[in-house]
Amino acid sequence: MANIKSAKKRILVNRTKMERNKAIKSGVKTAVKKVYAAIEANDKEAAKAALLNATSTIDKATRKGVFHKNTSARKVSRLNLAVNKMA
């Protein structure tokens, strides 16, 4: 355990940020799973709605600094491709 006050604070701040990032990443994973579930069910409208929600969630995670912009672009691109292949 750290003895210096600033080091103790860093531990607390890092823990808080880690928990926040974990929650955001979990939300993204859930949104992505909903898209793939709709694709598996062959429900085009539900897939498009879930895609819109997932894209929004991924973009928010990028704005918060949880994902790199290229990572989020790759995720959104793959989801779009999967939904477009349903036709």
Protein backbone atom coordinates (compact mmCIF):
# COMPACT_ATOMS: atom_id res chain seq x y z
CA MET A 1 0.00 0.00 0.00
CA ALA A 2 1.20 3.49 -0.82
CA ASN A 3 2.39 5.80 1.95
CA ILE A 4 2.40 9.09 0.04
CA LYS A 5 -0.87 11.02 -0.05
CA SER A 6 -0.77 11.66 -3.81
CA ALA A 7 -0.11 7.97 -4.49
CA LYS A 8 -3.10 7.02 -2.32
CA LYS A 9 -5.24 9.45 -4.30
CA ARG A 10 -4.02 8.00 -7.62
CA ILE A 11 -5.06 4.54 -6.45
CA LEU A 12 -8.56 5.79 -5.62
CA VAL A 13 -8.91 7.76 -8.86
CA ASN A 14 -7.66 4.86 -10.97
CA ARG A 15 -10.09 2.48 -9.29
CA THR A 16 -12.98 4.87 -9.98
CA LYS A 17 -11.99 5.26 -13.63
CA MET A 18 -11.56 1.49 -14.02
CA GLU A 19 -15.06 0.84 -12.71
CA ARG A 20 -16.52 3.50 -15.01
CA ASN A 21 -14.68 2.11 -18.04
CA LYS A 22 -15.76 -1.43 -17.18
CA ALA A 23 -19.42 -0.35 -17.02
CA ILE A 24 -19.17 1.44 -20.36
CA LYS A 25 -17.45 -1.54 -22.04
CA SER A 26 -20.10 -3.86 -20.64
CA GLY A 27 -22.84 -1.66 -22.10
CA VAL A 28 -21.16 -1.77 -25.50
CA LYS A 29 -20.89 -5.57 -25.37
CA THR A 30 -24.58 -5.84 -24.45
CA ALA A 31 -25.61 -3.57 -27.33
CA VAL A 32 -23.48 -5.57 -29.80
CA LYS A 33 -24.97 -8.85 -28.55
CA LYS A 34 -28.48 -7.47 -29.14
CA VAL A 35 -27.59 -6.71 -32.76
CA TYR A 36 -26.26 -10.22 -33.35
CA ALA A 37 -29.28 -11.74 -31.57
CA ALA A 38 -31.62 -9.86 -33.91
CA ILE A 39 -29.56 -11.03 -36.90
CA GLU A 40 -29.80 -14.66 -35.71
CA ALA A 41 -33.57 -14.26 -35.39
CA ASN A 42 -33.75 -12.89 -38.98
CA ASP A 43 -35.57 -9.78 -37.72
CA LYS A 44 -34.36 -7.01 -40.02
CA GLU A 45 -36.23 -4.17 -38.29
CA ALA A 46 -35.05 -5.18 -34.82
CA ALA A 47 -31.51 -5.52 -36.15
CA LYS A 48 -31.59 -2.01 -37.60
CA ALA A 49 -32.95 -0.58 -34.35
CA ALA A 50 -30.36 -2.46 -32.31
CA LEU A 51 -27.64 -1.31 -34.73
CA LEU A 52 -28.64 2.32 -34.22
CA ASN A 53 -28.52 1.86 -30.44
CA ALA A 54 -25.19 0.00 -30.57
CA THR A 55 -23.63 2.66 -32.80
CA SER A 56 -24.72 5.35 -30.38
CA THR A 57 -23.34 3.42 -27.40
CA ILE A 58 -20.01 2.81 -29.14
CA ASP A 59 -19.70 6.47 -30.12
CA LYS A 60 -20.38 7.55 -26.55
CA ALA A 61 -17.68 5.18 -25.31
CA THR A 62 -15.27 6.73 -27.81
CA ARG A 63 -16.12 10.25 -26.67
CA LYS A 64 -15.48 9.21 -23.06
CA GLY A 65 -12.06 7.88 -24.05
CA VAL A 66 -12.82 4.23 -23.36
CA PHE A 67 -12.24 3.14 -26.97
CA HIS A 68 -9.82 4.46 -29.57
CA LYS A 69 -11.59 6.00 -32.55
CA ASN A 70 -10.30 3.30 -34.91
CA THR A 71 -11.55 0.56 -32.59
CA SER A 72 -15.02 2.06 -32.53
CA ALA A 73 -14.99 2.57 -36.31
CA ARG A 74 -14.05 -1.09 -36.78
CA LYS A 75 -16.81 -2.29 -34.45
CA VAL A 76 -19.46 -0.13 -36.14
CA SER A 77 -18.28 -1.19 -39.59
CA ARG A 78 -18.51 -4.88 -38.74
CA LEU A 79 -21.98 -4.43 -37.27
CA ASN A 80 -23.14 -2.54 -40.37
CA LEU A 81 -21.74 -5.26 -42.60
CA ALA A 82 -23.50 -7.98 -40.63
CA VAL A 83 -26.86 -6.18 -40.74
CA ASN A 84 -26.52 -5.40 -44.45
CA LYS A 85 -25.76 -9.05 -45.23
CA MET A 86 -29.17 -10.06 -43.87
CA ALA A 87 -30.95 -9.03 -47.08
